[in-house]
Amino acid sequence: MARGNSTASSRAAAEQSQTGPPLLILGLGYAAVLVSLPLIKADGVAPHVVGYLIGGLLPILVVGLVRRIDLDRRRSAKYEARSFLQPALVVLMIMAMGAALLHIWPIATELAQ
């Protein structure tokens, strides 16, 4: 029985610590876009490919992960919704598409020559 109580108490502790959207993961998506921006001024294809992966694809994956985790957390009775989550996800997607465009253009230009 002690084993069952520890499982129930650990589950309750996990629910208490997960009461809102995963803002830390969302922040990592914004950080990924910001990390890719200095690579825009670099010459060559390799830095732009890395910048595209970090600033374009990674934030898009983060948006999907945040939405998935948020959906799971919404099932909890102790969930506290944040009204800025959806606009923050939209802004992150726009920033990721902008970073992707700024990295794809030099790659395409280099490959066209």
Protein backbone atom coordinates (compact mmCIF):
# COMPACT_ATOMS: atom_id res chain seq x y z
CA MET A 1 0.00 0.00 0.00
CA ALA A 2 2.82 2.39 0.63
CA ARG A 3 3.77 2.00 -2.98
CA GLY A 4 0.31 3.09 -4.14
CA ASN A 5 0.33 6.11 -1.87
CA SER A 6 3.68 7.30 -3.19
CA THR A 7 2.44 7.01 -6.76
CA ALA A 8 -0.69 8.97 -5.95
CA SER A 9 1.27 11.63 -4.10
CA SER A 10 3.82 11.94 -6.91
CA ARG A 11 0.98 12.28 -9.44
CA ALA A 12 -0.65 14.98 -7.30
CA ALA A 13 2.66 16.83 -6.99
CA ALA A 14 3.13 16.64 -10.76
CA GLU A 15 -0.35 18.08 -11.33
CA GLN A 16 0.33 20.95 -8.94
CA SER A 17 3.59 21.85 -10.68
CA GLN A 18 1.96 21.71 -14.15
CA THR A 19 -0.87 24.20 -13.82
CA GLY A 20 -0.31 26.38 -16.86
CA PRO A 21 1.07 26.42 -20.38
CA PRO A 22 4.74 25.48 -20.91
CA LEU A 23 6.16 28.99 -21.00
CA LEU A 24 9.77 27.85 -20.62
CA ILE A 25 9.55 25.81 -23.81
CA LEU A 26 7.92 28.78 -25.55
CA GLY A 27 10.81 30.96 -24.40
CA LEU A 28 13.25 28.47 -25.91
CA GLY A 29 11.52 28.92 -29.26
CA TYR A 30 12.03 32.68 -29.08
CA ALA A 31 15.65 32.14 -28.04
CA ALA A 32 16.21 29.90 -31.06
CA VAL A 33 15.05 32.65 -33.42
CA LEU A 34 17.27 35.20 -31.70
CA VAL A 35 20.29 32.87 -31.88
CA SER A 36 19.83 32.45 -35.63
CA LEU A 37 19.72 36.19 -36.39
CA PRO A 38 23.50 36.86 -36.16
CA LEU A 39 24.05 34.09 -38.72
CA ILE A 40 22.23 36.18 -41.36
CA LYS A 41 25.35 38.30 -41.93
CA ALA A 42 27.58 35.25 -42.40
CA ASP A 43 28.97 34.29 -45.80
CA GLY A 44 28.59 30.83 -47.25
CA VAL A 45 25.89 28.23 -47.35
CA ALA A 46 26.72 26.34 -44.13
CA PRO A 47 25.95 29.16 -41.65
CA HIS A 48 22.66 29.87 -43.41
CA VAL A 49 21.66 26.21 -43.30
CA VAL A 50 22.40 26.14 -39.57
CA GLY A 51 20.51 29.41 -39.12
CA TYR A 52 17.56 28.03 -41.05
CA LEU A 53 17.44 24.90 -38.92
CA ILE A 54 17.77 26.81 -35.65
CA GLY A 55 15.64 29.84 -36.50
CA GLY A 56 13.14 28.37 -38.92
CA LEU A 57 12.46 24.73 -38.21
CA LEU A 58 13.15 24.51 -34.47
CA PRO A 59 10.61 27.20 -33.48
CA ILE A 60 7.95 25.53 -35.61
CA LEU A 61 8.59 22.28 -33.74
CA VAL A 62 8.45 24.21 -30.46
CA VAL A 63 5.02 25.60 -31.35
CA GLY A 64 3.73 22.08 -31.95
CA LEU A 65 5.27 20.84 -28.71
CA VAL A 66 3.84 23.75 -26.69
CA ARG A 67 0.37 23.15 -28.11
CA ARG A 68 0.59 19.43 -27.35
CA ILE A 69 1.79 19.93 -23.76
CA ASP A 70 -0.78 22.68 -23.22
CA LEU A 71 -3.55 20.38 -24.44
CA ASP A 72 -2.46 17.69 -21.98
CA ARG A 73 -2.28 20.18 -19.13
CA ARG A 74 -5.74 21.58 -19.89
CA ARG A 75 -7.20 18.27 -18.78
CA SER A 76 -6.14 19.03 -15.21
CA ALA A 77 -8.65 20.67 -12.89
CA LYS A 78 -5.88 22.96 -11.61
CA TYR A 79 -4.98 24.38 -15.03
CA GLU A 80 -4.72 28.16 -15.24
CA ALA A 81 -5.09 29.48 -18.78
CA ARG A 82 -2.94 32.36 -20.01
CA SER A 83 -4.58 34.70 -22.49
CA PHE A 84 -1.28 35.64 -24.14
CA LEU A 85 -0.34 32.09 -25.16
CA GLN A 86 -2.05 32.03 -28.58
CA PRO A 87 -0.79 35.49 -29.65
CA ALA A 88 2.70 34.52 -28.46
CA LEU A 89 2.58 31.39 -30.61
CA VAL A 90 1.46 33.42 -33.64
CA VAL A 91 4.27 35.95 -33.13
CA LEU A 92 6.78 33.11 -32.78
CA MET A 93 5.57 31.56 -36.05
CA ILE A 94 5.87 34.89 -37.86
CA MET A 95 9.37 35.42 -36.48
CA ALA A 96 10.35 31.87 -37.48
CA MET A 97 9.07 32.37 -41.02
CA GLY A 98 10.96 35.66 -41.25
CA ALA A 99 14.17 34.05 -40.02
CA ALA A 100 13.68 31.18 -42.46
CA LEU A 101 13.20 33.61 -45.34
CA LEU A 102 16.31 35.57 -44.39
CA HIS A 103 18.35 32.36 -44.42
CA ILE A 104 16.80 30.71 -47.46
CA TRP A 105 17.35 33.71 -49.74
CA PRO A 106 21.19 33.64 -49.48
CA ILE A 107 21.17 29.84 -49.84
CA ALA A 108 19.11 30.07 -53.02
CA THR A 109 21.25 32.91 -54.35
CA GLU A 110 24.44 30.93 -53.73
CA LEU A 111 23.06 27.78 -55.32
CA ALA A 112 21.80 29.70 -58.36
CA GLN A 113 25.27 30.94 -59.27
